C-alpha atoms as a PDB file:
ATOM      1  CA  UNK A   1      11.068 145.129 155.288  1.00  0.00           C
ATOM      2  CA  UNK A   2       8.889 148.214 154.773  1.00  0.00           C
ATOM      3  CA  UNK A   3       9.388 150.234 151.639  1.00  0.00           C
ATOM      4  CA  UNK A   4       9.833 154.020 152.173  1.00  0.00           C
ATOM      5  CA  UNK A   5       6.207 154.868 151.394  1.00  0.00           C
ATOM      6  CA  UNK A   6       4.893 152.221 153.808  1.00  0.00           C
ATOM      7  CA  UNK A   7       7.340 153.344 156.478  1.00  0.00           C
ATOM      8  CA  UNK A   8       6.246 156.973 156.309  1.00  0.00           C
ATOM      9  CA  UNK A   9       2.608 155.887 156.003  1.00  0.00           C
ATOM     10  CA  UNK A  10       3.016 154.213 159.398  1.00  0.00           C
ATOM     11  CA  UNK A  11       4.447 157.331 161.015  1.00  0.00           C
ATOM     12  CA  UNK A  12       2.160 160.004 162.541  1.00  0.00           C
ATOM     13  CA  UNK A  13       3.489 162.561 160.042  1.00  0.00           C
ATOM     14  CA  UNK A  14       0.765 165.137 160.655  1.00  0.00           C
ATOM     15  CA  UNK A  15       1.244 164.981 164.427  1.00  0.00           C
ATOM     16  CA  UNK A  16       5.004 165.342 163.941  1.00  0.00           C
ATOM     17  CA  UNK A  17       4.430 168.342 161.675  1.00  0.00           C
ATOM     18  CA  UNK A  18       1.979 169.933 164.128  1.00  0.00           C
ATOM     19  CA  UNK A  19       4.558 169.609 166.899  1.00  0.00           C
ATOM     20  CA  UNK A  20       7.176 171.176 164.631  1.00  0.00           C
ATOM     21  CA  UNK A  21       4.715 174.013 164.006  1.00  0.00           C
ATOM     22  CA  UNK A  22       4.260 174.656 167.725  1.00  0.00           C
ATOM     23  CA  UNK A  23       8.009 174.720 168.284  1.00  0.00           C
ATOM     24  CA  UNK A  24       8.537 176.916 165.256  1.00  0.00           C
ATOM     25  CA  UNK A  25       6.023 179.521 166.447  1.00  0.00           C
ATOM     26  CA  UNK A  26       7.177 179.760 170.037  1.00  0.00           C
ATOM     27  CA  UNK A  27       8.657 183.110 171.070  1.00  0.00           C
ATOM     28  CA  UNK A  28      10.031 181.785 174.349  1.00  0.00           C
ATOM     29  CA  UNK A  29      13.484 183.188 173.793  1.00  0.00           C
ATOM     30  CA  UNK A  30      15.681 180.365 175.186  1.00  0.00           C
ATOM     31  CA  UNK A  31      13.736 177.766 173.187  1.00  0.00           C
ATOM     32  CA  UNK A  32      13.670 179.806 169.968  1.00  0.00           C
ATOM     33  CA  UNK A  33      17.361 180.694 170.189  1.00  0.00           C
ATOM     34  CA  UNK A  34      18.338 177.075 170.867  1.00  0.00           C
ATOM     35  CA  UNK A  35      16.390 175.904 167.812  1.00  0.00           C
ATOM     36  CA  UNK A  36      17.800 178.641 165.571  1.00  0.00           C
ATOM     37  CA  UNK A  37      21.386 178.111 166.735  1.00  0.00           C
ATOM     38  CA  UNK A  38      21.300 174.331 166.331  1.00  0.00           C
ATOM     39  CA  UNK A  39      19.635 174.527 162.910  1.00  0.00           C
ATOM     40  CA  UNK A  40      21.959 177.254 161.559  1.00  0.00           C
ATOM     41  CA  UNK A  41      25.036 175.343 162.719  1.00  0.00           C
ATOM     42  CA  UNK A  42      23.896 171.951 161.445  1.00  0.00           C
ATOM     43  CA  UNK A  43      22.912 173.167 157.958  1.00  0.00           C
ATOM     44  CA  UNK A  44      25.509 175.905 157.565  1.00  0.00           C
ATOM     45  CA  UNK A  45      22.936 178.654 156.996  1.00  0.00           C
ATOM     46  CA  UNK A  46      24.469 181.825 155.513  1.00  0.00           C
ATOM     47  CA  UNK A  47      23.001 184.861 157.297  1.00  0.00           C
ATOM     48  CA  UNK A  48      25.358 187.348 155.643  1.00  0.00           C
ATOM     49  CA  UNK A  49      22.818 187.922 152.847  1.00  0.00           C
ATOM     50  CA  UNK A  50      19.812 188.225 155.195  1.00  0.00           C
ATOM     51  CA  UNK A  51      18.267 191.509 156.339  1.00  0.00           C
ATOM     52  CA  UNK A  52      19.080 190.465 159.897  1.00  0.00           C
ATOM     53  CA  UNK A  53      22.487 188.835 160.126  1.00  0.00           C
ATOM     54  CA  UNK A  54      22.421 187.550 163.704  1.00  0.00           C
ATOM     55  CA  UNK A  55      20.340 184.657 165.105  1.00  0.00           C
ATOM     56  CA  UNK A  56      19.504 186.882 168.087  1.00  0.00           C
ATOM     57  CA  UNK A  57      17.579 189.223 165.754  1.00  0.00           C
ATOM     58  CA  UNK A  58      14.750 186.685 165.253  1.00  0.00           C
ATOM     59  CA  UNK A  59      11.714 186.306 167.557  1.00  0.00           C
ATOM     60  CA  UNK A  60      11.020 182.674 166.664  1.00  0.00           C
ATOM     61  CA  UNK A  61      12.346 179.832 164.550  1.00  0.00           C
ATOM     62  CA  UNK A  62       9.684 180.573 161.917  1.00  0.00           C
ATOM     63  CA  UNK A  63      10.792 184.207 161.838  1.00  0.00           C
ATOM     64  CA  UNK A  64      14.353 183.027 161.204  1.00  0.00           C
ATOM     65  CA  UNK A  65      13.382 180.370 158.674  1.00  0.00           C
ATOM     66  CA  UNK A  66      11.326 182.741 156.512  1.00  0.00           C
ATOM     67  CA  UNK A  67      13.965 185.482 156.757  1.00  0.00           C
ATOM     68  CA  UNK A  68      14.019 188.221 154.163  1.00  0.00           C
ATOM     69  CA  UNK A  69      17.173 188.947 152.180  1.00  0.00           C
ATOM     70  CA  UNK A  70      18.997 192.214 151.806  1.00  0.00           C
ATOM     71  CA  UNK A  71      17.887 194.347 148.835  1.00  0.00           C
ATOM     72  CA  UNK A  72      19.776 193.202 145.754  1.00  0.00           C
ATOM     73  CA  UNK A  73      20.813 189.847 147.242  1.00  0.00           C
ATOM     74  CA  UNK A  74      18.964 188.095 144.402  1.00  0.00           C
ATOM     75  CA  UNK A  75      19.513 189.984 141.122  1.00  0.00           C
ATOM     76  CA  UNK A  76      16.647 189.416 138.683  1.00  0.00           C
ATOM     77  CA  UNK A  77      17.565 188.531 135.087  1.00  0.00           C
ATOM     78  CA  UNK A  78      17.426 191.829 133.191  1.00  0.00           C
ATOM     79  CA  UNK A  79      15.987 190.404 129.953  1.00  0.00           C
ATOM     80  CA  UNK A  80      12.333 191.475 129.845  1.00  0.00           C
ATOM     81  CA  UNK A  81      11.409 188.097 128.278  1.00  0.00           C
ATOM     82  CA  UNK A  82      13.191 186.040 130.931  1.00  0.00           C
ATOM     83  CA  UNK A  83      11.158 183.638 133.047  1.00  0.00           C
ATOM     84  CA  UNK A  84      12.947 183.189 136.368  1.00  0.00           C
ATOM     85  CA  UNK A  85      13.320 180.583 139.062  1.00  0.00           C
ATOM     86  CA  UNK A  86      10.653 181.041 141.739  1.00  0.00           C
ATOM     87  CA  UNK A  87      12.931 179.894 144.557  1.00  0.00           C
ATOM     88  CA  UNK A  88      16.397 179.023 145.767  1.00  0.00           C
ATOM     89  CA  UNK A  89      17.298 175.341 145.751  1.00  0.00           C
ATOM     90  CA  UNK A  90      18.368 172.821 143.187  1.00  0.00           C
ATOM     91  CA  UNK A  91      16.721 171.955 139.911  1.00  0.00           C
ATOM     92  CA  UNK A  92      15.149 168.577 140.573  1.00  0.00           C
ATOM     93  CA  UNK A  93      13.565 167.973 137.143  1.00  0.00           C
ATOM     94  CA  UNK A  94      12.415 169.991 134.127  1.00  0.00           C
ATOM     95  CA  UNK A  95      11.263 169.471 130.566  1.00  0.00           C
ATOM     96  CA  UNK A  96       8.190 168.910 128.430  1.00  0.00           C
ATOM     97  CA  UNK A  97       4.894 167.566 129.701  1.00  0.00           C
ATOM     98  CA  UNK A  98       4.745 164.287 127.752  1.00  0.00           C
ATOM     99  CA  UNK A  99       1.737 161.960 127.671  1.00  0.00           C
ATOM    100  CA  UNK A 100       0.127 164.289 130.238  1.00  0.00           C
ATOM    101  CA  UNK A 101       2.880 163.417 132.731  1.00  0.00           C
ATOM    102  CA  UNK A 102       5.875 164.968 134.474  1.00  0.00           C
ATOM    103  CA  UNK A 103       9.072 163.214 135.522  1.00  0.00           C
ATOM    104  CA  UNK A 104       9.502 162.930 139.293  1.00  0.00           C
ATOM    105  CA  UNK A 105      12.719 160.891 139.230  1.00  0.00           C
ATOM    106  CA  UNK A 106      14.165 158.051 137.197  1.00  0.00           C
ATOM    107  CA  UNK A 107      11.483 155.378 137.010  1.00  0.00           C
ATOM    108  CA  UNK A 108       8.707 157.600 138.414  1.00  0.00           C
ATOM    109  CA  UNK A 109       6.299 159.785 136.478  1.00  0.00           C
ATOM    110  CA  UNK A 110       3.065 161.413 137.625  1.00  0.00           C
ATOM    111  CA  UNK A 111       0.103 162.971 135.855  1.00  0.00           C
ATOM    112  CA  UNK A 112      -0.723 166.663 135.655  1.00  0.00           C
ATOM    113  CA  UNK A 113      -4.329 165.767 136.438  1.00  0.00           C
ATOM    114  CA  UNK A 114      -3.374 164.062 139.705  1.00  0.00           C
ATOM    115  CA  UNK A 115      -1.120 166.960 140.690  1.00  0.00           C
ATOM    116  CA  UNK A 116      -3.667 169.721 140.034  1.00  0.00           C
ATOM    117  CA  UNK A 117      -6.847 167.736 140.899  1.00  0.00           C
ATOM    118  CA  UNK A 118      -8.732 169.660 138.186  1.00  0.00           C
ATOM    119  CA  UNK A 119      -9.209 168.019 134.774  1.00  0.00           C
ATOM    120  CA  UNK A 120      -9.971 171.255 132.905  1.00  0.00           C
ATOM    121  CA  UNK A 121      -6.947 172.984 134.416  1.00  0.00           C
ATOM    122  CA  UNK A 122      -4.727 169.977 133.635  1.00  0.00           C
ATOM    123  CA  UNK A 123      -5.708 170.059 129.946  1.00  0.00           C
ATOM    124  CA  UNK A 124      -4.264 173.584 129.692  1.00  0.00           C
ATOM    125  CA  UNK A 125      -0.780 172.163 130.331  1.00  0.00           C
ATOM    126  CA  UNK A 126      -0.831 169.136 128.014  1.00  0.00           C
ATOM    127  CA  UNK A 127       2.231 169.472 125.789  1.00  0.00           C
ATOM    128  CA  UNK A 128       3.564 172.347 127.880  1.00  0.00           C
ATOM    129  CA  UNK A 129       6.663 172.567 130.066  1.00  0.00           C
ATOM    130  CA  UNK A 130       7.522 172.258 133.746  1.00  0.00           C
ATOM    131  CA  UNK A 131      10.288 173.052 136.225  1.00  0.00           C
ATOM    132  CA  UNK A 132      10.636 171.467 139.687  1.00  0.00           C
ATOM    133  CA  UNK A 133      12.779 173.162 142.360  1.00  0.00           C
ATOM    134  CA  UNK A 134      13.658 171.448 145.646  1.00  0.00           C
ATOM    135  CA  UNK A 135      14.318 173.784 148.574  1.00  0.00           C
ATOM    136  CA  UNK A 136      16.784 172.298 151.056  1.00  0.00           C
ATOM    137  CA  UNK A 137      16.627 173.275 154.747  1.00  0.00           C
ATOM    138  CA  UNK A 138      19.464 175.800 154.416  1.00  0.00           C
ATOM    139  CA  UNK A 139      17.873 177.685 151.503  1.00  0.00           C
ATOM    140  CA  UNK A 140      15.983 180.967 151.382  1.00  0.00           C
ATOM    141  CA  UNK A 141      12.346 179.879 151.671  1.00  0.00           C
ATOM    142  CA  UNK A 142      10.262 182.621 150.102  1.00  0.00           C
ATOM    143  CA  UNK A 143       8.670 181.751 146.766  1.00  0.00           C
ATOM    144  CA  UNK A 144       8.290 184.314 143.977  1.00  0.00           C
ATOM    145  CA  UNK A 145       6.420 184.658 140.696  1.00  0.00           C
ATOM    146  CA  UNK A 146       8.466 183.285 137.765  1.00  0.00           C
ATOM    147  CA  UNK A 147       6.681 185.727 135.418  1.00  0.00           C
ATOM    148  CA  UNK A 148       4.056 188.437 135.638  1.00  0.00           C
ATOM    149  CA  UNK A 149       0.513 187.147 135.943  1.00  0.00           C
ATOM    150  CA  UNK A 150      -2.885 187.387 137.595  1.00  0.00           C
ATOM    151  CA  UNK A 151      -3.764 184.865 140.275  1.00  0.00           C
ATOM    152  CA  UNK A 152      -7.167 183.454 139.332  1.00  0.00           C
ATOM    153  CA  UNK A 153      -7.610 181.145 142.337  1.00  0.00           C
ATOM    154  CA  UNK A 154      -5.850 178.799 144.729  1.00  0.00           C
ATOM    155  CA  UNK A 155      -6.699 175.152 145.277  1.00  0.00           C
ATOM    156  CA  UNK A 156      -5.792 173.634 148.643  1.00  0.00           C
ATOM    157  CA  UNK A 157      -5.362 169.865 148.376  1.00  0.00           C
ATOM    158  CA  UNK A 158      -5.102 167.679 151.510  1.00  0.00           C
ATOM    159  CA  UNK A 159      -2.861 164.638 151.568  1.00  0.00           C
ATOM    160  CA  UNK A 160       0.135 163.002 153.220  1.00  0.00           C
ATOM    161  CA  UNK A 161       3.317 164.662 154.431  1.00  0.00           C
ATOM    162  CA  UNK A 162       6.067 162.463 153.045  1.00  0.00           C
ATOM    163  CA  UNK A 163       9.598 163.936 152.856  1.00  0.00           C
ATOM    164  CA  UNK A 164      10.417 165.350 149.427  1.00  0.00           C
ATOM    165  CA  UNK A 165      14.203 164.980 149.386  1.00  0.00           C
ATOM    166  CA  UNK A 166      16.076 163.250 146.593  1.00  0.00           C
ATOM    167  CA  UNK A 167      15.814 159.818 148.193  1.00  0.00           C
ATOM    168  CA  UNK A 168      12.044 160.115 148.622  1.00  0.00           C
ATOM    169  CA  UNK A 169      11.579 161.326 145.054  1.00  0.00           C
ATOM    170  CA  UNK A 170      13.451 158.259 143.807  1.00  0.00           C
ATOM    171  CA  UNK A 171      11.573 155.756 145.979  1.00  0.00           C
ATOM    172  CA  UNK A 172       7.981 156.979 146.569  1.00  0.00           C
ATOM    173  CA  UNK A 173       5.768 156.771 143.477  1.00  0.00           C
ATOM    174  CA  UNK A 174       3.454 159.731 142.902  1.00  0.00           C
ATOM    175  CA  UNK A 175       5.073 161.626 145.782  1.00  0.00           C
ATOM    176  CA  UNK A 176       4.007 165.145 144.751  1.00  0.00           C
ATOM    177  CA  UNK A 177       0.437 164.003 144.088  1.00  0.00           C
ATOM    178  CA  UNK A 178       0.149 162.323 147.477  1.00  0.00           C
ATOM    179  CA  UNK A 179       1.415 165.192 149.631  1.00  0.00           C
ATOM    180  CA  UNK A 180      -0.465 168.255 150.825  1.00  0.00           C
ATOM    181  CA  UNK A 181      -0.158 171.076 148.300  1.00  0.00           C
ATOM    182  CA  UNK A 182      -1.355 174.521 147.357  1.00  0.00           C
ATOM    183  CA  UNK A 183      -2.041 175.048 143.658  1.00  0.00           C
ATOM    184  CA  UNK A 184      -1.810 178.701 142.584  1.00  0.00           C
ATOM    185  CA  UNK A 185      -3.652 179.006 139.289  1.00  0.00           C
ATOM    186  CA  UNK A 186      -2.313 182.034 137.396  1.00  0.00           C
ATOM    187  CA  UNK A 187      -3.576 183.163 134.015  1.00  0.00           C
ATOM    188  CA  UNK A 188      -0.217 182.355 132.370  1.00  0.00           C
ATOM    189  CA  UNK A 189       1.134 179.434 134.461  1.00  0.00           C
ATOM    190  CA  UNK A 190       0.516 177.324 137.571  1.00  0.00           C
ATOM    191  CA  UNK A 191       2.718 177.512 140.674  1.00  0.00           C
ATOM    192  CA  UNK A 192       2.398 174.564 143.056  1.00  0.00           C
ATOM    193  CA  UNK A 193       3.666 174.554 146.661  1.00  0.00           C
ATOM    194  CA  UNK A 194       4.200 170.933 147.761  1.00  0.00           C
ATOM    195  CA  UNK A 195       4.091 170.282 151.509  1.00  0.00           C
ATOM    196  CA  UNK A 196       6.368 167.787 153.248  1.00  0.00           C
ATOM    197  CA  UNK A 197       7.213 166.170 156.574  1.00  0.00           C
ATOM    198  CA  UNK A 198       7.674 168.843 159.285  1.00  0.00           C
ATOM    199  CA  UNK A 199       6.395 171.581 156.946  1.00  0.00           C
ATOM    200  CA  UNK A 200       4.130 173.160 159.540  1.00  0.00           C
ATOM    201  CA  UNK A 201       2.317 175.475 157.131  1.00  0.00           C
ATOM    202  CA  UNK A 202       2.450 177.502 153.943  1.00  0.00           C
ATOM    203  CA  UNK A 203       1.921 181.250 154.064  1.00  0.00           C
ATOM    204  CA  UNK A 204       0.605 183.292 151.155  1.00  0.00           C
ATOM    205  CA  UNK A 205       1.612 186.896 150.515  1.00  0.00           C
ATOM    206  CA  UNK A 206      -1.852 188.135 149.573  1.00  0.00           C
ATOM    207  CA  UNK A 207      -3.733 186.855 152.623  1.00  0.00           C
ATOM    208  CA  UNK A 208      -0.983 186.562 155.206  1.00  0.00           C
ATOM    209  CA  UNK A 209      -0.894 184.235 158.178  1.00  0.00           C
ATOM    210  CA  UNK A 210      -0.208 180.506 158.220  1.00  0.00           C
ATOM    211  CA  UNK A 211      -2.287 178.171 156.079  1.00  0.00           C
ATOM    212  CA  UNK A 212      -2.417 174.799 157.812  1.00  0.00           C
ATOM    213  CA  UNK A 213      -1.952 171.889 155.397  1.00  0.00           C
ATOM    214  CA  UNK A 214      -4.414 169.698 157.301  1.00  0.00           C
ATOM    215  CA  UNK A 215      -7.785 170.955 156.126  1.00  0.00           C
ATOM    216  CA  UNK A 216     -10.203 169.772 153.479  1.00  0.00           C
ATOM    217  CA  UNK A 217     -10.080 170.434 149.750  1.00  0.00           C
ATOM    218  CA  UNK A 218     -10.727 174.150 149.250  1.00  0.00           C
ATOM    219  CA  UNK A 219     -10.817 176.520 146.286  1.00  0.00           C
ATOM    220  CA  UNK A 220     -10.201 180.158 147.139  1.00  0.00           C
ATOM    221  CA  UNK A 221     -10.673 183.052 144.691  1.00  0.00           C
ATOM    222  CA  UNK A 222      -7.896 185.593 144.398  1.00  0.00           C
ATOM    223  CA  UNK A 223      -7.540 188.049 141.504  1.00  0.00           C
ATOM    224  CA  UNK A 224      -4.321 189.751 142.614  1.00  0.00           C
ATOM    225  CA  UNK A 225      -1.752 190.628 139.948  1.00  0.00           C
ATOM    226  CA  UNK A 226       1.893 189.757 140.573  1.00  0.00           C
ATOM    227  CA  UNK A 227       4.920 191.220 138.873  1.00  0.00           C
ATOM    228  CA  UNK A 228       7.816 189.010 137.872  1.00  0.00           C
ATOM    229  CA  UNK A 229       9.842 187.996 140.969  1.00  0.00           C
ATOM    230  CA  UNK A 230       7.210 189.384 143.361  1.00  0.00           C
ATOM    231  CA  UNK A 231       6.785 187.263 146.478  1.00  0.00           C
ATOM    232  CA  UNK A 232       3.858 184.816 146.331  1.00  0.00           C
ATOM    233  CA  UNK A 233       4.333 182.884 149.559  1.00  0.00           C
ATOM    234  CA  UNK A 234       6.721 181.046 151.856  1.00  0.00           C
ATOM    235  CA  UNK A 235       7.311 177.631 153.385  1.00  0.00           C
ATOM    236  CA  UNK A 236       7.735 177.046 157.110  1.00  0.00           C
ATOM    237  CA  UNK A 237      10.450 174.420 156.560  1.00  0.00           C
ATOM    238  CA  UNK A 238      11.724 173.107 153.265  1.00  0.00           C
ATOM    239  CA  UNK A 239       9.848 171.567 150.413  1.00  0.00           C
ATOM    240  CA  UNK A 240       9.333 171.692 146.646  1.00  0.00           C
ATOM    241  CA  UNK A 241       7.879 174.122 144.104  1.00  0.00           C
ATOM    242  CA  UNK A 242       6.627 173.066 140.664  1.00  0.00           C
ATOM    243  CA  UNK A 243       5.901 175.523 137.838  1.00  0.00           C
ATOM    244  CA  UNK A 244       3.752 174.497 134.861  1.00  0.00           C
ATOM    245  CA  UNK A 245       3.603 176.430 131.585  1.00  0.00           C
ATOM    246  CA  UNK A 246       1.064 175.994 128.746  1.00  0.00           C
ATOM    247  CA  UNK A 247       2.299 174.901 125.290  1.00  0.00           C
ATOM    248  CA  UNK A 248       4.352 177.614 123.599  1.00  0.00           C
ATOM    249  CA  UNK A 249       4.415 179.876 126.661  1.00  0.00           C
ATOM    250  CA  UNK A 250       8.083 179.389 127.481  1.00  0.00           C
ATOM    251  CA  UNK A 251      11.252 178.082 125.883  1.00  0.00           C
ATOM    252  CA  UNK A 252      13.289 176.469 128.646  1.00  0.00           C
ATOM    253  CA  UNK A 253      16.913 177.567 128.857  1.00  0.00           C
ATOM    254  CA  UNK A 254      19.229 174.991 127.196  1.00  0.00           C
ATOM    255  CA  UNK A 255      21.757 175.539 130.013  1.00  0.00           C
ATOM    256  CA  UNK A 256      19.439 173.911 132.584  1.00  0.00           C
ATOM    257  CA  UNK A 257      20.667 170.620 134.064  1.00  0.00           C
ATOM    258  CA  UNK A 258      18.941 168.329 136.542  1.00  0.00           C
ATOM    259  CA  UNK A 259      20.603 168.637 139.943  1.00  0.00           C
ATOM    260  CA  UNK A 260      22.120 172.063 139.334  1.00  0.00           C
ATOM    261  CA  UNK A 261      21.861 174.682 142.103  1.00  0.00           C
ATOM    262  CA  UNK A 262      19.641 177.618 141.251  1.00  0.00           C
ATOM    263  CA  UNK A 263      18.633 180.890 142.878  1.00  0.00           C
ATOM    264  CA  UNK A 264      15.475 182.921 142.754  1.00  0.00           C
ATOM    265  CA  UNK A 265      15.657 185.412 139.884  1.00  0.00           C
ATOM    266  CA  UNK A 266      17.963 183.354 137.671  1.00  0.00           C
ATOM    267  CA  UNK A 267      16.701 182.575 134.186  1.00  0.00           C
ATOM    268  CA  UNK A 268      14.976 179.266 133.557  1.00  0.00           C
ATOM    269  CA  UNK A 269      13.633 180.206 130.115  1.00  0.00           C
ATOM    270  CA  UNK A 270      12.269 182.860 127.777  1.00  0.00           C
ATOM    271  CA  UNK A 271       8.614 183.665 127.311  1.00  0.00           C
ATOM    272  CA  UNK A 272       7.175 182.514 124.010  1.00  0.00           C
END
């Protein structure tokens, strides 16, 4: 019997994701509306907090999936020192970076070096802290800056497209280091977008347009400054975001619990 990693390894995950991307981009109205209606019904998507509250308001499935929220729908913690959640979802794992590793799930740890693919960058986070947020299909899928910072560069890392749900995290070793990902290297933290099965692309706010997760390893300069809670990018279908903080940069909130639901703008800690 195949284990989960071997099973997904055997599947044409990139072809499946490319097909999902084509369907997601189509603006053929009957097709787009059928996809949106079926998805919204199946996952119980709440459109009452979105800028556009009717499925008919969206040109394509991607337009619907990356929907903006009404102003004020996500209040930002009003403490100037607060570091906030970058996304809606549930808190998968969090804590200290110990022995240069992060906890993926019970029985599975992975190294900062493998996640970031840059040894010098990884050393910056030894003894620091991390927060992992899983975005379910029904969630708001725009990702925001947890704190103010300047984006030094992005690193695009090719890889597999395994699912990143709770079952996969518990059964596939090194999951986040094996999947496609976009590492956003800020001067005060690192924000990592982890791709997944059927995630057709990741879009970034400063360049716009879809960024296919099928290319080669690339490093792109940036230099843009982001304010706290400013949008950084968005997923076209659900996935996971990991935030890394250097030692002493943040004191994680003692109220955090693994598995708890969380929304963008809610406090995850205080700056050091």
